[in-house]
Amino acid sequence: MKILLVDDARSVVMVMSSRLASYGHDVVHAGNGQEAVAAFASTAPDLVLMDIEMPVMNGFEATNRIRALEATKQWAWTPVIFLTSSDTVENLVTAIEAGGDDFMSKFVPEPVLQAKMKAMSRIAGLRKSLSQANQKLQDLASQDGLTGLCNRRSMDLRADQLWLEAQAHERSFGLLMIDIDNFKKYNDHYGHQSGDDCLRQVAHTIDATTRHANELGLTHGAFAARYGGEEFTVVVPQATVVTLHKAAETIVKAVAALGIAHALNEAWGVVSISVGGALKNPAQGELVAVFREADARLYQAKRQGRNRAVVPDASSSVAEPGAAGGAGLVESH
């Protein structure tokens, strides 16, 4: 167990650290409340042993700030035990109100200290298990069950947040809407099990291509999601005309390169996708308009023969589809 020991008295620190280390615990020391808050943020201890009276910042204030830090994180709670040489009722009440969980003398007898540390170790183990379980539940709630991509709800939440960030920092916002060409015909011809396999392969390819673009620095923070049925989205924060073109072109080619046979996908013979893109400055409208524009270009790609992307070009990056300047065309043959 990692323990943050906060006390300004060197003699107390030496003795308590030695006792705790003899039980097999890893001890991190802070000399006052201000140092404690910084150490808590950087080391994520399993337990905090907090002195009350210290220079710079006392233990009550430090604990208040630690609890404020935890409030910004999910499922975060770390036991805080106050150390004192005066077990007054007033100190006990103040300690609990400040966010403390227990009260202990600095000179607690060895058997009592050892017993308390055993109890805290059990709590640390339970906290870790609970955090892992909660994370797993969140992952399940945010992932599409078939493809493993972000689901619609998760995508909406992340896109809303990224849109707000784009507004705050005056950054562009890019979006790709993706649809598997003639997917209903694929399902009817090959069966729904094959259809599910196809969806998984296409989703994996879109996701892998998007992640690779992030790794190469072509995009920054882009992510893929399943929009619904055979439709997918790729949200591309801080996109430019060039990066949106490149991302769309790469995804179209990567899916076609899978070579999944599709006898009823006229002209191509393999599973392919159509992509519509939109690029907006958040000051120019609402997020829903970005989805509408990308969807309109998606259907434009369908009309132009499928297996391609239609995205804004330099002269129409903030225009509506069909406006002067037209839409750029990226083809994959």
Protein backbone atom coordinates (compact mmCIF):
# COMPACT_ATOMS: atom_id res chain seq x y z
CA MET A 1 0.00 0.00 0.00
CA LYS A 2 1.29 3.48 -0.87
CA ILE A 3 0.91 5.86 2.07
CA LEU A 4 1.26 9.65 1.99
CA LEU A 5 2.57 10.75 5.40
CA VAL A 6 2.10 14.46 6.03
CA ASP A 7 3.88 15.95 9.05
CA ASP A 8 6.36 18.78 9.63
CA ALA A 9 8.08 17.10 12.62
CA ARG A 10 11.14 15.18 11.44
CA SER A 11 11.18 12.94 14.50
CA VAL A 12 7.56 11.87 13.91
CA VAL A 13 8.23 11.25 10.24
CA MET A 14 11.28 9.09 10.93
CA VAL A 15 9.55 6.95 13.53
CA MET A 16 6.22 6.59 11.68
CA SER A 17 7.92 5.91 8.33
CA SER A 18 10.03 3.18 9.91
CA ARG A 19 7.01 1.55 11.53
CA LEU A 20 4.97 1.64 8.32
CA ALA A 21 7.84 0.37 6.20
CA SER A 22 8.28 -2.58 8.56
CA TYR A 23 4.72 -3.64 7.60
CA GLY A 24 5.69 -3.58 3.91
CA HIS A 25 4.16 -0.24 2.95
CA ASP A 26 5.65 2.38 0.60
CA VAL A 27 5.78 5.77 2.36
CA VAL A 28 5.82 9.17 0.60
CA HIS A 29 6.49 12.21 2.81
CA ALA A 30 5.17 15.77 2.64
CA GLY A 31 6.23 18.46 5.12
CA ASN A 32 3.09 20.63 5.07
CA GLY A 33 -0.41 20.77 3.64
CA GLN A 34 0.60 22.49 0.42
CA GLU A 35 3.21 19.83 -0.32
CA ALA A 36 0.64 17.19 0.57
CA VAL A 37 -1.83 18.37 -2.07
CA ALA A 38 0.88 18.35 -4.74
CA ALA A 39 2.15 14.92 -3.64
CA PHE A 40 -1.37 13.52 -3.61
CA ALA A 41 -1.96 14.67 -7.20
CA SER A 42 1.32 13.20 -8.45
CA THR A 43 1.51 9.91 -6.50
CA ALA A 44 -2.14 8.79 -6.08
CA PRO A 45 -1.64 7.17 -2.65
CA ASP A 46 -3.89 4.49 -1.16
CA LEU A 47 -3.96 6.20 2.24
CA VAL A 48 -3.17 9.66 3.66
CA LEU A 49 -1.92 10.13 7.22
CA MET A 50 -2.40 13.84 7.85
CA ASP A 51 -1.03 16.00 10.65
CA ILE A 52 -3.28 18.88 11.70
CA GLU A 53 -1.05 21.79 12.77
CA MET A 54 1.59 22.55 10.13
CA PRO A 55 3.15 25.67 8.56
CA VAL A 56 2.02 27.04 5.18
CA MET A 57 -1.22 25.03 5.18
CA ASN A 58 -2.80 22.99 7.95
CA GLY A 59 -4.16 19.48 7.60
CA PHE A 60 -7.82 20.51 7.50
CA GLU A 61 -7.31 22.82 4.52
CA ALA A 62 -5.10 20.27 2.75
CA THR A 63 -7.78 17.61 3.15
CA ASN A 64 -10.43 19.96 1.77
CA ARG A 65 -8.28 20.50 -1.32
CA ILE A 66 -7.59 16.79 -1.72
CA ARG A 67 -11.32 16.10 -1.65
CA ALA A 68 -11.81 18.84 -4.26
CA LEU A 69 -9.25 17.11 -6.49
CA GLU A 70 -11.04 13.80 -6.07
CA ALA A 71 -14.35 15.41 -7.01
CA THR A 72 -12.98 15.96 -10.53
CA LYS A 73 -12.41 12.23 -11.02
CA GLN A 74 -14.76 9.29 -11.22
CA TRP A 75 -15.04 6.87 -8.30
CA ALA A 76 -12.17 8.58 -6.45
CA TRP A 77 -11.97 8.31 -2.69
CA THR A 78 -8.84 7.92 -0.59
CA PRO A 79 -8.99 7.32 3.18
CA VAL A 80 -7.56 10.20 5.23
CA ILE A 81 -6.56 9.57 8.84
CA PHE A 82 -5.66 12.60 10.92
CA LEU A 83 -2.65 12.35 13.21
CA THR A 84 -2.63 14.35 16.41
CA SER A 85 -1.27 14.43 19.92
CA SER A 86 -4.50 15.97 21.28
CA ASP A 87 -7.61 13.81 20.84
CA THR A 88 -10.13 16.59 21.54
CA VAL A 89 -13.79 16.40 20.56
CA GLU A 90 -13.41 19.66 18.62
CA ASN A 91 -10.52 18.29 16.55
CA LEU A 92 -12.43 15.09 15.84
CA VAL A 93 -15.50 16.99 14.59
CA THR A 94 -13.40 19.38 12.48
CA ALA A 95 -11.44 16.47 11.02
CA ILE A 96 -14.57 14.67 9.88
CA GLU A 97 -16.11 17.86 8.45
CA ALA A 98 -12.91 18.55 6.51
CA GLY A 99 -13.24 15.19 4.77
CA GLY A 100 -11.24 12.99 7.12
CA ASP A 101 -12.24 9.41 7.83
CA ASP A 102 -10.49 8.61 11.10
CA PHE A 103 -8.45 10.08 13.92
CA MET A 104 -5.27 8.56 15.38
CA SER A 105 -2.61 9.53 17.89
CA LYS A 106 0.92 9.98 16.57
CA PHE A 107 2.04 7.68 19.35
CA VAL A 108 -0.52 4.97 18.77
CA PRO A 109 0.52 1.57 20.22
CA GLU A 110 2.11 -0.86 17.77
CA PRO A 111 -0.74 -3.43 17.75
CA VAL A 112 -3.32 -0.70 17.08
CA LEU A 113 -1.30 0.85 14.25
CA GLN A 114 -0.73 -2.53 12.65
CA ALA A 115 -4.43 -3.40 12.89
CA LYS A 116 -5.47 -0.08 11.36
CA MET A 117 -3.03 -0.56 8.46
CA LYS A 118 -4.42 -4.04 7.81
CA ALA A 119 -7.91 -2.54 7.64
CA MET A 120 -6.71 0.22 5.31
CA SER A 121 -5.02 -2.36 3.07
CA ARG A 122 -8.31 -4.24 2.74
CA ILE A 123 -10.05 -0.99 1.84
CA ALA A 124 -7.36 -0.19 -0.74
CA GLY A 125 -7.92 -3.57 -2.37
CA LEU A 126 -11.66 -3.08 -2.45
CA ARG A 127 -11.24 0.41 -3.91
CA LYS A 128 -9.08 -0.95 -6.70
CA SER A 129 -11.54 -3.74 -7.49
CA LEU A 130 -14.48 -1.34 -7.44
CA SER A 131 -12.69 1.14 -9.69
CA GLN A 132 -11.87 -1.60 -12.21
CA ALA A 133 -15.45 -2.87 -12.15
CA ASN A 134 -16.84 0.63 -12.64
CA GLN A 135 -14.43 1.28 -15.51
CA LYS A 136 -15.52 -1.95 -17.15
CA LEU A 137 -19.17 -0.96 -16.79
CA GLN A 138 -18.46 2.45 -18.28
CA ASP A 139 -16.63 0.87 -21.19
CA LEU A 140 -19.58 -1.44 -21.81
CA ALA A 141 -21.99 1.48 -21.62
CA SER A 142 -19.97 3.57 -24.08
CA GLN A 143 -19.04 0.87 -26.60
CA ASP A 144 -21.06 -0.59 -29.42
CA GLY A 145 -21.62 -4.25 -28.60
CA LEU A 146 -21.00 -5.56 -32.12
CA THR A 147 -18.04 -3.51 -33.33
CA GLY A 148 -16.37 -2.31 -30.13
CA LEU A 149 -16.36 1.28 -31.37
CA CYS A 150 -17.84 4.19 -29.44
CA ASN A 151 -21.61 3.89 -29.52
CA ARG A 152 -23.96 6.68 -30.58
CA ARG A 153 -24.48 8.02 -27.06
CA SER A 154 -20.77 8.11 -26.31
CA MET A 155 -20.03 9.73 -29.66
CA ASP A 156 -22.63 12.45 -29.06
CA LEU A 157 -21.15 13.27 -25.65
CA ARG A 158 -17.57 13.39 -26.92
CA ALA A 159 -18.50 15.38 -30.01
CA ASP A 160 -20.40 17.93 -27.89
CA GLN A 161 -17.38 18.37 -25.63
CA LEU A 162 -14.96 18.72 -28.55
CA TRP A 163 -17.29 21.22 -30.20
CA LEU A 164 -17.30 23.35 -27.05
CA GLU A 165 -13.50 23.16 -26.90
CA ALA A 166 -13.30 24.18 -30.56
CA GLN A 167 -15.52 27.17 -29.81
CA ALA A 168 -13.46 28.18 -26.79
CA HIS A 169 -10.13 27.97 -28.64
CA GLU A 170 -11.42 29.09 -32.06
CA ARG A 171 -10.41 25.82 -33.73
CA SER A 172 -11.91 24.05 -36.70
CA PHE A 173 -14.07 20.94 -36.36
CA GLY A 174 -14.15 18.17 -38.94
CA LEU A 175 -16.50 15.23 -39.37
CA LEU A 176 -16.74 12.24 -41.68
CA MET A 177 -20.00 10.33 -42.17
CA ILE A 178 -19.43 6.82 -43.54
CA ASP A 179 -21.85 4.29 -44.98
CA ILE A 180 -21.19 0.77 -46.29
CA ASP A 181 -22.31 0.63 -49.90
CA ASN A 182 -25.28 -1.62 -50.72
CA PHE A 183 -25.14 -3.23 -47.29
CA LYS A 184 -28.78 -4.38 -47.35
CA LYS A 185 -28.01 -6.33 -50.52
CA TYR A 186 -24.97 -7.82 -48.79
CA ASN A 187 -27.10 -8.98 -45.84
CA ASP A 188 -29.79 -10.42 -48.10
CA HIS A 189 -27.27 -12.25 -50.26
CA TYR A 190 -24.72 -13.51 -47.71
CA GLY A 191 -26.83 -13.68 -44.53
CA HIS A 192 -26.92 -11.65 -41.35
CA GLN A 193 -24.06 -13.52 -39.68
CA SER A 194 -21.80 -12.61 -42.57
CA GLY A 195 -23.24 -9.10 -42.34
CA ASP A 196 -22.16 -8.84 -38.72
CA ASP A 197 -18.69 -10.10 -39.61
CA CYS A 198 -18.51 -7.50 -42.37
CA LEU A 199 -19.53 -4.71 -39.97
CA ARG A 200 -16.84 -5.77 -37.51
CA GLN A 201 -14.12 -5.85 -40.17
CA VAL A 202 -15.08 -2.48 -41.60
CA ALA A 203 -15.34 -0.94 -38.12
CA HIS A 204 -11.93 -2.30 -37.15
CA THR A 205 -10.39 -0.89 -40.32
CA ILE A 206 -11.94 2.55 -39.83
CA ASP A 207 -10.79 2.60 -36.21
CA ALA A 208 -7.26 1.37 -36.97
CA THR A 209 -6.86 3.85 -39.81
CA THR A 210 -8.06 6.70 -37.60
CA ARG A 211 -5.72 5.74 -34.77
CA HIS A 212 -2.81 5.47 -37.19
CA ALA A 213 -3.55 8.97 -38.51
CA ASN A 214 -3.37 10.25 -34.92
CA GLU A 215 -0.07 8.45 -34.36
CA LEU A 216 1.40 9.97 -37.52
CA GLY A 217 0.28 13.44 -36.48
CA LEU A 218 -2.02 13.79 -39.50
CA THR A 219 -4.95 14.18 -37.12
CA HIS A 220 -5.13 15.07 -33.43
CA GLY A 221 -7.63 13.35 -31.18
CA ALA A 222 -9.73 11.92 -34.01
CA PHE A 223 -11.94 8.96 -33.10
CA ALA A 224 -14.32 6.58 -34.83
CA ALA A 225 -17.83 5.61 -33.73
CA ARG A 226 -20.74 3.53 -34.92
CA TYR A 227 -23.51 5.93 -35.81
CA GLY A 228 -26.13 3.25 -36.35
CA GLY A 229 -26.75 0.26 -38.61
CA GLU A 230 -24.07 0.28 -41.30
CA GLU A 231 -23.18 3.95 -40.72
CA PHE A 232 -20.07 5.17 -38.94
CA THR A 233 -18.58 8.54 -38.06
CA VAL A 234 -15.07 9.84 -37.59
CA VAL A 235 -14.80 13.04 -35.56
CA VAL A 236 -11.71 15.02 -36.52
CA PRO A 237 -10.92 17.90 -34.14
CA GLN A 238 -8.66 20.69 -35.45
CA ALA A 239 -9.02 19.38 -38.99
CA THR A 240 -7.88 21.23 -42.09
CA VAL A 241 -9.05 20.77 -45.67
CA VAL A 242 -5.89 18.77 -46.35
CA THR A 243 -6.15 16.50 -43.30
CA LEU A 244 -9.85 15.84 -43.87
CA HIS A 245 -9.16 14.90 -47.50
CA LYS A 246 -6.31 12.63 -46.51
CA ALA A 247 -8.22 10.94 -43.69
CA ALA A 248 -11.24 10.28 -45.91
CA GLU A 249 -9.14 9.00 -48.81
CA THR A 250 -7.16 6.66 -46.58
CA ILE A 251 -10.26 5.15 -44.98
CA VAL A 252 -11.97 4.58 -48.35
CA LYS A 253 -8.91 2.81 -49.74
CA ALA A 254 -8.33 0.78 -46.56
CA VAL A 255 -11.85 -0.66 -46.58
CA ALA A 256 -11.73 -1.50 -50.28
CA ALA A 257 -8.34 -3.16 -49.71
CA LEU A 258 -9.98 -5.65 -47.33
CA GLY A 259 -11.27 -7.38 -50.45
CA ILE A 260 -14.48 -8.62 -48.84
CA ALA A 261 -16.45 -10.14 -51.71
CA HIS A 262 -19.73 -8.36 -52.49
CA ALA A 263 -21.17 -9.62 -55.75
CA LEU A 264 -24.11 -7.19 -55.61
CA ASN A 265 -21.99 -4.06 -55.10
CA GLU A 266 -22.16 -2.95 -58.73
CA ALA A 267 -18.92 -1.86 -60.45
CA TRP A 268 -16.68 -2.82 -57.54
CA GLY A 269 -17.32 -6.45 -56.58
CA VAL A 270 -16.03 -5.95 -53.03
CA VAL A 271 -17.35 -4.23 -49.93
CA SER A 272 -16.78 -0.50 -50.21
CA ILE A 273 -17.82 2.64 -48.38
CA SER A 274 -19.01 6.11 -49.24
CA VAL A 275 -17.85 9.06 -47.15
CA GLY A 276 -19.17 12.59 -46.72
CA GLY A 277 -17.15 15.22 -44.93
CA ALA A 278 -17.80 18.57 -43.31
CA LEU A 279 -15.42 21.16 -41.90
CA LYS A 280 -16.68 24.02 -39.81
CA ASN A 281 -15.58 26.89 -37.65
CA PRO A 282 -17.82 26.56 -34.54
CA ALA A 283 -18.51 30.29 -34.68
CA GLN A 284 -20.39 29.72 -37.93
CA GLY A 285 -23.20 27.57 -36.63
CA GLU A 286 -24.28 24.62 -34.51
CA LEU A 287 -22.90 21.10 -34.30
CA VAL A 288 -26.06 19.61 -35.82
CA ALA A 289 -25.32 21.57 -39.00
CA VAL A 290 -21.96 19.78 -39.32
CA PHE A 291 -23.70 16.39 -39.26
CA ARG A 292 -26.26 17.54 -41.81
CA GLU A 293 -23.58 18.82 -44.15
CA ALA A 294 -21.48 15.67 -43.87
CA ASP A 295 -24.60 13.54 -44.44
CA ALA A 296 -25.49 15.55 -47.54
CA ARG A 297 -22.02 14.98 -48.97
CA LEU A 298 -22.28 11.29 -48.10
CA TYR A 299 -25.32 10.96 -50.35
CA GLN A 300 -23.52 12.99 -52.98
CA ALA A 301 -20.76 10.35 -52.90
CA LYS A 302 -23.43 7.66 -53.33
CA ARG A 303 -24.87 9.43 -56.36
CA GLN A 304 -21.43 9.77 -57.91
CA GLY A 305 -20.88 6.01 -57.90
CA ARG A 306 -19.93 4.98 -54.33
CA ASN A 307 -16.50 3.82 -53.09
CA ARG A 308 -15.39 7.41 -52.72
CA ALA A 309 -15.48 10.44 -50.46
CA VAL A 310 -16.87 13.88 -51.06
CA VAL A 311 -15.37 16.43 -48.71
CA PRO A 312 -14.99 20.24 -48.72
CA ASP A 313 -12.24 21.71 -50.87
CA ALA A 314 -10.30 24.88 -50.15
CA SER A 315 -12.91 27.11 -51.75
CA SER A 316 -15.90 25.53 -50.00
CA SER A 317 -14.64 24.35 -46.61
CA VAL A 318 -17.27 26.37 -44.79
CA ALA A 319 -19.94 26.43 -47.48
CA GLU A 320 -23.01 24.30 -47.76
CA PRO A 321 -22.91 21.43 -50.28
CA GLY A 322 -23.79 22.70 -53.72
CA ALA A 323 -22.70 26.26 -52.93
CA ALA A 324 -20.33 28.13 -55.20
CA GLY A 325 -17.01 26.37 -55.41
CA GLY A 326 -18.50 22.89 -55.22
CA ALA A 327 -17.19 19.96 -53.19
CA GLY A 328 -13.87 18.27 -53.58
CA LEU A 329 -13.80 14.64 -54.73
CA VAL A 330 -11.54 11.94 -53.43
CA GLU A 331 -11.80 8.66 -55.30
CA SER A 332 -10.54 5.16 -54.56
CA HIS A 333 -10.54 2.73 -57.47
